[in-house]
Amino acid sequence: MISAAGDFDFLALPGRGNSGPDHWMSHWCRAYPNSSRVLQAEWDRPNPEDWIGRIDAAIAAAPRRVVLLAHSLAVATAVKWAAGASESQLNKVAGALLVAATNVENPDPSFDLVRPFAPMPLKRLPFPTLVVASRTDPRVTFDQATAFAAAWGADLADAGDLGHMGNETHLGLWPAGLLMLGRLLEKARL
């Protein structure tokens, strides 16, 4: 188990609709007292500027360095935040676990609500990053997730056939995810 001690805090960034009580992110937030969740004003019709602003405010308010735990649309939000953040804000991020990125540029009508987050920034992230991708994710192909990881200078973890790794997957505490998080933390300068 990953120790909750340390000189950092986990900052949980749920995707559209928030993360329900059985979502792995909710389990992790309950398991680690050094975690907090960024709450959005509008979960169902997300606004990029609002979502990015709330992440920026949470990082600014954090008393210690943070490890970002992002799922789904929050992956695009975190990457867009990083593309425009100040150096002092970027230095507060020890690492990022980016799970099940949503391809915000997909032209399918089912992506209309997330398309305002396009284009997806494709520049190297200035902190250790691990992209976790499923081979059966309906929101991003494995090849696209691999391309995102390469562009961001991130490591890639193949989660197998776990769909979108959200509420519907019922991963619970998600032990395999915790191992992936441990892999990231080994690289992060905590």
N, C-alpha and C. Protein backbone atom coordinates (compact mmCIF):
# COMPACT_ATOMS: atom_id res chain seq x y z
N MET A 1 0.84 -1.18 0.00
CA MET A 1 0.00 0.00 0.00
C MET A 1 0.88 1.24 0.00
N ILE A 2 0.45 2.24 -0.69
CA ILE A 2 1.19 3.50 -0.76
C ILE A 2 0.98 4.26 0.53
N SER A 3 2.05 4.76 1.09
CA SER A 3 1.95 5.51 2.34
C SER A 3 1.29 6.86 2.09
N ALA A 4 0.44 7.25 3.03
CA ALA A 4 -0.18 8.57 2.94
C ALA A 4 0.76 9.64 3.48
N ALA A 5 1.85 9.22 4.10
CA ALA A 5 2.82 10.19 4.61
C ALA A 5 3.61 10.75 3.45
N GLY A 6 4.32 11.80 3.69
CA GLY A 6 5.13 12.39 2.64
C GLY A 6 4.93 13.87 2.58
N ASP A 7 5.65 14.47 1.68
CA ASP A 7 5.60 15.92 1.53
C ASP A 7 4.76 16.33 0.33
N PHE A 8 3.67 15.64 0.12
CA PHE A 8 2.80 15.95 -1.01
C PHE A 8 1.36 15.60 -0.65
N ASP A 9 0.45 16.07 -1.47
CA ASP A 9 -0.97 15.73 -1.34
C ASP A 9 -1.47 15.23 -2.70
N PHE A 10 -2.45 14.34 -2.68
CA PHE A 10 -3.12 13.91 -3.89
C PHE A 10 -4.24 14.91 -4.20
N LEU A 11 -4.31 15.35 -5.44
CA LEU A 11 -5.37 16.24 -5.88
C LEU A 11 -6.18 15.49 -6.94
N ALA A 12 -7.38 15.04 -6.55
CA ALA A 12 -8.22 14.23 -7.42
C ALA A 12 -9.03 15.13 -8.36
N LEU A 13 -8.97 14.82 -9.64
CA LEU A 13 -9.65 15.60 -10.68
C LEU A 13 -10.63 14.68 -11.41
N PRO A 14 -11.89 14.62 -10.99
CA PRO A 14 -12.87 13.76 -11.66
C PRO A 14 -13.24 14.30 -13.04
N GLY A 15 -13.74 13.41 -13.85
CA GLY A 15 -14.22 13.79 -15.17
C GLY A 15 -15.67 14.26 -15.13
N ARG A 16 -16.25 14.40 -16.32
CA ARG A 16 -17.63 14.88 -16.44
C ARG A 16 -18.57 14.01 -15.62
N GLY A 17 -19.47 14.64 -14.88
CA GLY A 17 -20.42 13.91 -14.05
C GLY A 17 -19.90 13.60 -12.66
N ASN A 18 -18.63 13.96 -12.39
CA ASN A 18 -17.98 13.67 -11.11
C ASN A 18 -17.77 12.16 -11.01
N SER A 19 -17.22 11.70 -9.93
CA SER A 19 -16.97 10.28 -9.69
C SER A 19 -17.87 9.82 -8.56
N GLY A 20 -18.66 8.79 -8.84
CA GLY A 20 -19.58 8.29 -7.83
C GLY A 20 -18.87 7.60 -6.68
N PRO A 21 -19.61 7.17 -5.67
CA PRO A 21 -19.01 6.59 -4.47
C PRO A 21 -18.24 5.29 -4.74
N ASP A 22 -18.56 4.57 -5.81
CA ASP A 22 -17.86 3.32 -6.11
C ASP A 22 -16.74 3.50 -7.13
N HIS A 23 -16.52 4.71 -7.59
CA HIS A 23 -15.43 4.99 -8.54
C HIS A 23 -14.10 4.81 -7.82
N TRP A 24 -13.10 4.32 -8.53
CA TRP A 24 -11.78 4.11 -7.91
C TRP A 24 -11.26 5.40 -7.27
N MET A 25 -11.52 6.55 -7.91
CA MET A 25 -11.03 7.83 -7.39
C MET A 25 -11.65 8.13 -6.02
N SER A 26 -12.94 7.83 -5.87
CA SER A 26 -13.61 8.04 -4.59
C SER A 26 -13.02 7.12 -3.52
N HIS A 27 -12.75 5.88 -3.89
CA HIS A 27 -12.12 4.95 -2.95
C HIS A 27 -10.75 5.48 -2.51
N TRP A 28 -9.97 5.98 -3.46
CA TRP A 28 -8.64 6.49 -3.13
C TRP A 28 -8.75 7.72 -2.22
N CYS A 29 -9.71 8.59 -2.50
CA CYS A 29 -9.87 9.78 -1.66
C CYS A 29 -10.23 9.39 -0.22
N ARG A 30 -11.01 8.33 -0.07
CA ARG A 30 -11.34 7.87 1.28
C ARG A 30 -10.15 7.18 1.94
N ALA A 31 -9.30 6.54 1.15
CA ALA A 31 -8.17 5.79 1.71
C ALA A 31 -7.00 6.68 2.12
N TYR A 32 -6.85 7.82 1.46
CA TYR A 32 -5.70 8.67 1.72
C TYR A 32 -6.12 10.00 2.34
N PRO A 33 -5.76 10.22 3.59
CA PRO A 33 -6.14 11.47 4.24
C PRO A 33 -5.45 12.69 3.63
N ASN A 34 -4.40 12.48 2.86
CA ASN A 34 -3.71 13.59 2.21
C ASN A 34 -4.23 13.79 0.78
N SER A 35 -5.53 13.51 0.58
CA SER A 35 -6.13 13.72 -0.75
C SER A 35 -7.31 14.67 -0.63
N SER A 36 -7.54 15.38 -1.72
CA SER A 36 -8.73 16.22 -1.82
C SER A 36 -9.21 16.20 -3.26
N ARG A 37 -10.47 16.50 -3.45
CA ARG A 37 -11.10 16.46 -4.77
C ARG A 37 -11.41 17.87 -5.22
N VAL A 38 -11.08 18.17 -6.47
CA VAL A 38 -11.45 19.46 -7.05
C VAL A 38 -12.90 19.35 -7.51
N LEU A 39 -13.74 20.20 -6.95
CA LEU A 39 -15.15 20.19 -7.31
C LEU A 39 -15.42 21.25 -8.36
N GLN A 40 -16.22 20.88 -9.33
CA GLN A 40 -16.58 21.80 -10.41
C GLN A 40 -17.99 22.33 -10.19
N ALA A 41 -18.25 23.53 -10.64
CA ALA A 41 -19.59 24.12 -10.50
C ALA A 41 -20.59 23.42 -11.41
N GLU A 42 -20.14 22.98 -12.57
CA GLU A 42 -21.02 22.37 -13.56
C GLU A 42 -20.39 21.07 -14.05
N TRP A 43 -20.91 19.95 -13.59
CA TRP A 43 -20.35 18.64 -13.94
C TRP A 43 -20.87 18.13 -15.29
N ASP A 44 -22.07 18.48 -15.68
CA ASP A 44 -22.67 17.88 -16.86
C ASP A 44 -22.47 18.68 -18.14
N ARG A 45 -22.28 19.99 -18.03
CA ARG A 45 -22.00 20.84 -19.18
C ARG A 45 -20.73 21.62 -18.87
N PRO A 46 -19.60 20.93 -18.94
CA PRO A 46 -18.34 21.54 -18.48
C PRO A 46 -17.87 22.69 -19.35
N ASN A 47 -17.31 23.69 -18.69
CA ASN A 47 -16.73 24.86 -19.36
C ASN A 47 -15.22 24.81 -19.14
N PRO A 48 -14.43 24.77 -20.21
CA PRO A 48 -12.97 24.64 -20.04
C PRO A 48 -12.35 25.70 -19.13
N GLU A 49 -12.73 26.96 -19.30
CA GLU A 49 -12.12 28.02 -18.49
C GLU A 49 -12.44 27.82 -17.01
N ASP A 50 -13.68 27.45 -16.70
CA ASP A 50 -14.07 27.21 -15.31
C ASP A 50 -13.30 26.03 -14.73
N TRP A 51 -13.26 24.92 -15.47
CA TRP A 51 -12.59 23.72 -14.96
C TRP A 51 -11.10 23.97 -14.76
N ILE A 52 -10.47 24.61 -15.73
CA ILE A 52 -9.04 24.92 -15.61
C ILE A 52 -8.80 25.88 -14.44
N GLY A 53 -9.66 26.87 -14.31
CA GLY A 53 -9.52 27.83 -13.21
C GLY A 53 -9.62 27.18 -11.85
N ARG A 54 -10.51 26.20 -11.71
CA ARG A 54 -10.65 25.53 -10.41
C ARG A 54 -9.42 24.66 -10.10
N ILE A 55 -8.85 24.05 -11.13
CA ILE A 55 -7.60 23.30 -10.90
C ILE A 55 -6.50 24.27 -10.48
N ASP A 56 -6.38 25.37 -11.19
CA ASP A 56 -5.34 26.35 -10.88
C ASP A 56 -5.50 26.86 -9.44
N ALA A 57 -6.72 27.17 -9.04
CA ALA A 57 -6.96 27.66 -7.68
C ALA A 57 -6.64 26.60 -6.63
N ALA A 58 -6.97 25.34 -6.91
CA ALA A 58 -6.68 24.27 -5.96
C ALA A 58 -5.18 24.06 -5.81
N ILE A 59 -4.45 24.15 -6.90
CA ILE A 59 -3.00 24.00 -6.82
C ILE A 59 -2.39 25.19 -6.09
N ALA A 60 -2.88 26.38 -6.37
CA ALA A 60 -2.36 27.57 -5.69
C ALA A 60 -2.62 27.49 -4.19
N ALA A 61 -3.76 26.94 -3.79
CA ALA A 61 -4.12 26.86 -2.38
C ALA A 61 -3.45 25.70 -1.66
N ALA A 62 -2.93 24.75 -2.39
CA ALA A 62 -2.32 23.58 -1.76
C ALA A 62 -1.11 23.99 -0.93
N PRO A 63 -1.05 23.55 0.33
CA PRO A 63 0.08 23.92 1.19
C PRO A 63 1.36 23.17 0.84
N ARG A 64 1.21 22.05 0.11
CA ARG A 64 2.38 21.25 -0.27
C ARG A 64 2.31 20.94 -1.76
N ARG A 65 3.33 20.27 -2.26
CA ARG A 65 3.29 19.84 -3.66
C ARG A 65 2.18 18.81 -3.83
N VAL A 66 1.67 18.70 -5.05
CA VAL A 66 0.55 17.81 -5.33
C VAL A 66 0.91 16.78 -6.39
N VAL A 67 0.22 15.65 -6.31
CA VAL A 67 0.22 14.64 -7.36
C VAL A 67 -1.19 14.65 -7.92
N LEU A 68 -1.32 14.96 -9.20
CA LEU A 68 -2.63 15.03 -9.85
C LEU A 68 -3.12 13.62 -10.18
N LEU A 69 -4.37 13.34 -9.84
CA LEU A 69 -5.03 12.09 -10.20
C LEU A 69 -6.21 12.47 -11.08
N ALA A 70 -6.06 12.35 -12.39
CA ALA A 70 -7.09 12.82 -13.31
C ALA A 70 -7.74 11.66 -14.05
N HIS A 71 -9.06 11.76 -14.25
CA HIS A 71 -9.80 10.75 -14.99
C HIS A 71 -10.63 11.41 -16.08
N SER A 72 -10.64 10.79 -17.26
CA SER A 72 -11.53 11.14 -18.35
C SER A 72 -11.32 12.58 -18.84
N LEU A 73 -12.36 13.40 -18.81
CA LEU A 73 -12.24 14.78 -19.29
C LEU A 73 -11.25 15.58 -18.44
N ALA A 74 -11.06 15.20 -17.20
CA ALA A 74 -10.10 15.91 -16.35
C ALA A 74 -8.67 15.74 -16.84
N VAL A 75 -8.41 14.71 -17.65
CA VAL A 75 -7.08 14.57 -18.25
C VAL A 75 -6.84 15.74 -19.19
N ALA A 76 -7.78 15.99 -20.10
CA ALA A 76 -7.65 17.13 -21.02
C ALA A 76 -7.56 18.43 -20.24
N THR A 77 -8.34 18.54 -19.16
CA THR A 77 -8.32 19.76 -18.35
C THR A 77 -6.95 19.96 -17.72
N ALA A 78 -6.38 18.91 -17.16
CA ALA A 78 -5.06 19.01 -16.52
C ALA A 78 -3.98 19.37 -17.53
N VAL A 79 -4.05 18.78 -18.70
CA VAL A 79 -3.04 19.05 -19.73
C VAL A 79 -3.19 20.48 -20.24
N LYS A 80 -4.42 20.94 -20.41
CA LYS A 80 -4.64 22.33 -20.83
C LYS A 80 -4.19 23.30 -19.72
N TRP A 81 -4.44 22.94 -18.46
CA TRP A 81 -3.95 23.77 -17.35
C TRP A 81 -2.43 23.89 -17.44
N ALA A 82 -1.76 22.76 -17.61
CA ALA A 82 -0.29 22.76 -17.65
C ALA A 82 0.25 23.60 -18.81
N ALA A 83 -0.47 23.60 -19.93
CA ALA A 83 -0.01 24.35 -21.11
C ALA A 83 -0.01 25.86 -20.86
N GLY A 84 -0.84 26.33 -19.93
CA GLY A 84 -0.92 27.77 -19.69
C GLY A 84 -0.51 28.20 -18.29
N ALA A 85 -0.07 27.26 -17.46
CA ALA A 85 0.24 27.58 -16.07
C ALA A 85 1.59 28.28 -15.93
N SER A 86 1.71 29.04 -14.86
CA SER A 86 2.97 29.72 -14.55
C SER A 86 4.00 28.69 -14.07
N GLU A 87 5.25 29.07 -14.15
CA GLU A 87 6.32 28.16 -13.71
C GLU A 87 6.17 27.83 -12.23
N SER A 88 5.78 28.82 -11.42
CA SER A 88 5.63 28.55 -9.99
C SER A 88 4.50 27.55 -9.73
N GLN A 89 3.43 27.63 -10.50
CA GLN A 89 2.35 26.66 -10.35
C GLN A 89 2.79 25.27 -10.81
N LEU A 90 3.48 25.23 -11.95
CA LEU A 90 3.96 23.94 -12.46
C LEU A 90 4.91 23.28 -11.47
N ASN A 91 5.71 24.07 -10.78
CA ASN A 91 6.67 23.51 -9.81
C ASN A 91 5.97 22.90 -8.61
N LYS A 92 4.71 23.22 -8.39
CA LYS A 92 3.97 22.64 -7.27
C LYS A 92 3.45 21.23 -7.60
N VAL A 93 3.57 20.80 -8.86
CA VAL A 93 3.08 19.48 -9.26
C VAL A 93 4.25 18.50 -9.27
N ALA A 94 4.16 17.49 -8.41
CA ALA A 94 5.21 16.47 -8.32
C ALA A 94 5.04 15.39 -9.38
N GLY A 95 3.81 15.19 -9.87
CA GLY A 95 3.55 14.18 -10.88
C GLY A 95 2.08 14.13 -11.21
N ALA A 96 1.74 13.35 -12.25
CA ALA A 96 0.34 13.23 -12.67
C ALA A 96 0.05 11.82 -13.15
N LEU A 97 -1.04 11.26 -12.63
CA LEU A 97 -1.57 10.00 -13.10
C LEU A 97 -2.79 10.35 -13.94
N LEU A 98 -2.70 10.12 -15.25
CA LEU A 98 -3.75 10.51 -16.19
C LEU A 98 -4.44 9.24 -16.70
N VAL A 99 -5.66 9.01 -16.24
CA VAL A 99 -6.38 7.75 -16.49
C VAL A 99 -7.52 7.98 -17.47
N ALA A 100 -7.56 7.17 -18.53
CA ALA A 100 -8.68 7.15 -19.47
C ALA A 100 -8.96 8.52 -20.09
N ALA A 101 -7.96 9.07 -20.74
CA ALA A 101 -8.13 10.36 -21.41
C ALA A 101 -9.31 10.29 -22.38
N THR A 102 -10.08 11.36 -22.43
CA THR A 102 -11.14 11.47 -23.42
C THR A 102 -10.57 12.20 -24.63
N ASN A 103 -10.80 11.65 -25.82
CA ASN A 103 -10.35 12.30 -27.04
C ASN A 103 -11.33 13.43 -27.38
N VAL A 104 -11.02 14.62 -26.89
CA VAL A 104 -11.94 15.76 -27.02
C VAL A 104 -12.09 16.24 -28.46
N GLU A 105 -11.28 15.72 -29.35
CA GLU A 105 -11.35 16.12 -30.76
C GLU A 105 -12.18 15.15 -31.61
N ASN A 106 -12.73 14.11 -31.01
CA ASN A 106 -13.53 13.14 -31.74
C ASN A 106 -14.76 13.83 -32.32
N PRO A 107 -15.02 13.69 -33.63
CA PRO A 107 -16.16 14.37 -34.26
C PRO A 107 -17.52 13.73 -34.00
N ASP A 108 -17.56 12.55 -33.38
CA ASP A 108 -18.82 11.89 -33.10
C ASP A 108 -19.70 12.80 -32.23
N PRO A 109 -21.01 12.88 -32.52
CA PRO A 109 -21.89 13.75 -31.74
C PRO A 109 -21.89 13.46 -30.23
N SER A 110 -21.55 12.25 -29.82
CA SER A 110 -21.53 11.93 -28.39
C SER A 110 -20.41 12.67 -27.66
N PHE A 111 -19.52 13.31 -28.40
CA PHE A 111 -18.42 14.08 -27.82
C PHE A 111 -18.70 15.58 -27.82
N ASP A 112 -19.90 15.99 -28.24
CA ASP A 112 -20.21 17.41 -28.36
C ASP A 112 -19.97 18.19 -27.06
N LEU A 113 -20.32 17.62 -25.92
CA LEU A 113 -20.19 18.33 -24.64
C LEU A 113 -18.74 18.51 -24.20
N VAL A 114 -17.83 17.70 -24.73
CA VAL A 114 -16.42 17.81 -24.32
C VAL A 114 -15.56 18.49 -25.39
N ARG A 115 -16.12 18.67 -26.58
CA ARG A 115 -15.34 19.26 -27.67
C ARG A 115 -14.84 20.68 -27.39
N PRO A 116 -15.52 21.48 -26.52
CA PRO A 116 -14.95 22.79 -26.19
C PRO A 116 -13.55 22.71 -25.56
N PHE A 117 -13.15 21.53 -25.08
CA PHE A 117 -11.81 21.36 -24.49
C PHE A 117 -10.74 21.13 -25.57
N ALA A 118 -11.17 20.99 -26.84
CA ALA A 118 -10.22 20.81 -27.95
C ALA A 118 -9.58 22.16 -28.29
N PRO A 119 -8.42 22.13 -28.87
CA PRO A 119 -7.60 20.96 -29.17
C PRO A 119 -6.85 20.47 -27.93
N MET A 120 -6.52 19.20 -27.96
CA MET A 120 -5.74 18.61 -26.88
C MET A 120 -4.29 19.09 -27.03
N PRO A 121 -3.74 19.73 -26.01
CA PRO A 121 -2.33 20.14 -26.09
C PRO A 121 -1.42 18.92 -26.26
N LEU A 122 -0.44 19.05 -27.09
CA LEU A 122 0.46 17.93 -27.37
C LEU A 122 1.90 18.33 -27.11
N LYS A 123 2.15 19.03 -26.01
CA LYS A 123 3.52 19.37 -25.67
C LYS A 123 3.93 18.63 -24.41
N ARG A 124 5.21 18.43 -24.27
CA ARG A 124 5.76 17.67 -23.15
C ARG A 124 5.36 18.31 -21.82
N LEU A 125 4.92 17.47 -20.89
CA LEU A 125 4.56 17.95 -19.56
C LEU A 125 5.83 18.06 -18.71
N PRO A 126 5.92 19.09 -17.87
CA PRO A 126 7.15 19.34 -17.12
C PRO A 126 7.26 18.60 -15.79
N PHE A 127 6.46 17.55 -15.61
CA PHE A 127 6.51 16.75 -14.39
C PHE A 127 6.30 15.29 -14.78
N PRO A 128 6.78 14.36 -13.95
CA PRO A 128 6.60 12.94 -14.27
C PRO A 128 5.12 12.61 -14.45
N THR A 129 4.82 11.86 -15.49
CA THR A 129 3.43 11.57 -15.84
C THR A 129 3.30 10.12 -16.26
N LEU A 130 2.22 9.50 -15.83
CA LEU A 130 1.88 8.15 -16.27
C LEU A 130 0.48 8.18 -16.86
N VAL A 131 0.35 7.80 -18.11
CA VAL A 131 -0.94 7.70 -18.79
C VAL A 131 -1.39 6.24 -18.67
N VAL A 132 -2.60 6.05 -18.14
CA VAL A 132 -3.18 4.71 -18.01
C VAL A 132 -4.29 4.59 -19.03
N ALA A 133 -4.18 3.59 -19.91
CA ALA A 133 -5.13 3.45 -21.01
C ALA A 133 -5.66 2.02 -21.08
N SER A 134 -6.94 1.90 -21.37
CA SER A 134 -7.59 0.62 -21.58
C SER A 134 -7.69 0.35 -23.08
N ARG A 135 -7.63 -0.89 -23.44
CA ARG A 135 -7.74 -1.26 -24.86
C ARG A 135 -9.18 -1.25 -25.35
N THR A 136 -10.14 -1.10 -24.43
CA THR A 136 -11.55 -1.11 -24.82
C THR A 136 -12.27 0.16 -24.36
N ASP A 137 -11.57 1.26 -24.31
CA ASP A 137 -12.14 2.53 -23.87
C ASP A 137 -12.93 3.16 -25.01
N PRO A 138 -14.23 3.41 -24.84
CA PRO A 138 -15.02 4.02 -25.90
C PRO A 138 -14.75 5.51 -26.09
N ARG A 139 -14.01 6.13 -25.18
CA ARG A 139 -13.76 7.58 -25.24
C ARG A 139 -12.41 7.92 -25.88
N VAL A 140 -11.54 6.92 -26.04
CA VAL A 140 -10.25 7.13 -26.69
C VAL A 140 -9.71 5.76 -27.12
N THR A 141 -9.15 5.70 -28.32
CA THR A 141 -8.55 4.44 -28.74
C THR A 141 -7.21 4.26 -28.02
N PHE A 142 -6.78 3.03 -27.93
CA PHE A 142 -5.48 2.76 -27.29
C PHE A 142 -4.36 3.43 -28.08
N ASP A 143 -4.46 3.43 -29.40
CA ASP A 143 -3.44 4.09 -30.23
C ASP A 143 -3.40 5.59 -29.96
N GLN A 144 -4.56 6.23 -29.80
CA GLN A 144 -4.60 7.66 -29.52
C GLN A 144 -4.03 7.95 -28.13
N ALA A 145 -4.37 7.13 -27.15
CA ALA A 145 -3.82 7.30 -25.81
C ALA A 145 -2.30 7.13 -25.83
N THR A 146 -1.81 6.20 -26.63
CA THR A 146 -0.37 6.00 -26.77
C THR A 146 0.28 7.24 -27.38
N ALA A 147 -0.38 7.83 -28.38
CA ALA A 147 0.14 9.05 -29.01
C ALA A 147 0.14 10.22 -28.01
N PHE A 148 -0.91 10.32 -27.20
CA PHE A 148 -0.94 11.36 -26.17
C PHE A 148 0.24 11.18 -25.21
N ALA A 149 0.45 9.97 -24.73
CA ALA A 149 1.54 9.70 -23.80
C ALA A 149 2.88 10.10 -24.41
N ALA A 150 3.10 9.74 -25.67
CA ALA A 150 4.36 10.09 -26.34
C ALA A 150 4.53 11.61 -26.42
N ALA A 151 3.47 12.32 -26.81
CA ALA A 151 3.55 13.78 -26.94
C ALA A 151 3.81 14.45 -25.60
N TRP A 152 3.24 13.89 -24.53
CA TRP A 152 3.39 14.49 -23.20
C TRP A 152 4.66 14.06 -22.49
N GLY A 153 5.47 13.17 -23.14
CA GLY A 153 6.68 12.67 -22.50
C GLY A 153 6.36 11.77 -21.32
N ALA A 154 5.23 11.11 -21.38
CA ALA A 154 4.73 10.29 -20.27
C ALA A 154 5.01 8.81 -20.50
N ASP A 155 5.09 8.08 -19.42
CA ASP A 155 5.08 6.63 -19.50
C ASP A 155 3.65 6.20 -19.78
N LEU A 156 3.49 4.98 -20.31
CA LEU A 156 2.17 4.45 -20.63
C LEU A 156 1.97 3.14 -19.90
N ALA A 157 0.82 2.98 -19.26
CA ALA A 157 0.46 1.72 -18.62
C ALA A 157 -0.76 1.16 -19.34
N ASP A 158 -0.66 -0.08 -19.79
CA ASP A 158 -1.74 -0.78 -20.46
C ASP A 158 -2.63 -1.41 -19.39
N ALA A 159 -3.84 -0.92 -19.25
CA ALA A 159 -4.76 -1.42 -18.23
C ALA A 159 -5.56 -2.62 -18.70
N GLY A 160 -5.34 -3.05 -19.93
CA GLY A 160 -6.08 -4.19 -20.45
C GLY A 160 -7.45 -3.79 -20.95
N ASP A 161 -8.43 -4.63 -20.70
CA ASP A 161 -9.79 -4.42 -21.21
C ASP A 161 -10.71 -3.93 -20.09
N LEU A 162 -10.53 -2.68 -19.69
CA LEU A 162 -11.31 -2.12 -18.58
C LEU A 162 -12.27 -1.01 -19.01
N GLY A 163 -12.57 -0.93 -20.29
CA GLY A 163 -13.48 0.12 -20.75
C GLY A 163 -12.94 1.49 -20.39
N HIS A 164 -13.81 2.37 -19.90
CA HIS A 164 -13.42 3.75 -19.60
C HIS A 164 -12.91 3.93 -18.16
N MET A 165 -12.87 2.85 -17.42
CA MET A 165 -12.33 2.85 -16.05
C MET A 165 -13.04 3.86 -15.15
N GLY A 166 -14.34 3.98 -15.34
CA GLY A 166 -15.13 4.94 -14.57
C GLY A 166 -16.10 4.25 -13.63
N ASN A 167 -17.20 4.94 -13.33
CA ASN A 167 -18.20 4.42 -12.41
C ASN A 167 -18.71 3.04 -12.83
N GLU A 168 -18.92 2.86 -14.14
CA GLU A 168 -19.53 1.63 -14.64
C GLU A 168 -18.61 0.42 -14.54
N THR A 169 -17.32 0.63 -14.31
CA THR A 169 -16.37 -0.49 -14.28
C THR A 169 -16.28 -1.14 -12.90
N HIS A 170 -16.68 -0.43 -11.85
CA HIS A 170 -16.69 -0.97 -10.48
C HIS A 170 -15.33 -1.53 -10.09
N LEU A 171 -14.30 -0.70 -10.20
CA LEU A 171 -12.94 -1.14 -9.87
C LEU A 171 -12.66 -1.14 -8.37
N GLY A 172 -13.52 -0.53 -7.58
CA GLY A 172 -13.28 -0.47 -6.14
C GLY A 172 -12.00 0.29 -5.83
N LEU A 173 -11.21 -0.23 -4.93
CA LEU A 173 -9.95 0.41 -4.57
C LEU A 173 -8.93 0.30 -5.70
N TRP A 174 -9.16 -0.55 -6.67
CA TRP A 174 -8.36 -0.76 -7.87
C TRP A 174 -6.88 -0.99 -7.53
N PRO A 175 -6.58 -2.19 -6.98
CA PRO A 175 -5.20 -2.51 -6.60
C PRO A 175 -4.20 -2.35 -7.75
N ALA A 176 -4.58 -2.74 -8.96
CA ALA A 176 -3.65 -2.59 -10.09
C ALA A 176 -3.36 -1.11 -10.35
N GLY A 177 -4.35 -0.26 -10.17
CA GLY A 177 -4.15 1.18 -10.31
C GLY A 177 -3.22 1.72 -9.25
N LEU A 178 -3.34 1.21 -8.02
CA LEU A 178 -2.44 1.63 -6.95
C LEU A 178 -1.00 1.26 -7.26
N LEU A 179 -0.81 0.11 -7.88
CA LEU A 179 0.55 -0.27 -8.30
C LEU A 179 1.08 0.70 -9.36
N MET A 180 0.20 1.10 -10.27
CA MET A 180 0.60 2.08 -11.29
C MET A 180 0.93 3.41 -10.63
N LEU A 181 0.13 3.82 -9.65
CA LEU A 181 0.41 5.05 -8.92
C LEU A 181 1.76 4.95 -8.22
N GLY A 182 2.05 3.81 -7.62
CA GLY A 182 3.34 3.60 -6.98
C GLY A 182 4.49 3.76 -7.96
N ARG A 183 4.29 3.25 -9.18
CA ARG A 183 5.30 3.40 -10.24
C ARG A 183 5.56 4.87 -10.55
N LEU A 184 4.48 5.66 -10.61
CA LEU A 184 4.62 7.09 -10.84
C LEU A 184 5.36 7.77 -9.68
N LEU A 185 4.96 7.43 -8.46
CA LEU A 185 5.55 8.08 -7.30
C LEU A 185 7.05 7.82 -7.18
N GLU A 186 7.49 6.66 -7.67
CA GLU A 186 8.93 6.37 -7.67
C GLU A 186 9.69 7.36 -8.55
N LYS A 187 9.04 7.84 -9.61
CA LYS A 187 9.68 8.78 -10.54
C LYS A 187 9.52 10.23 -10.10
N ALA A 188 8.48 10.49 -9.34
CA ALA A 188 8.19 11.88 -8.93
C ALA A 188 9.22 12.34 -7.90
N ARG A 189 9.55 13.59 -7.98
CA ARG A 189 10.50 14.18 -7.00
C ARG A 189 9.71 14.68 -5.81
N LEU A 190 9.45 13.77 -4.90
CA LEU A 190 8.65 14.11 -3.73
C LEU A 190 9.61 14.51 -2.65
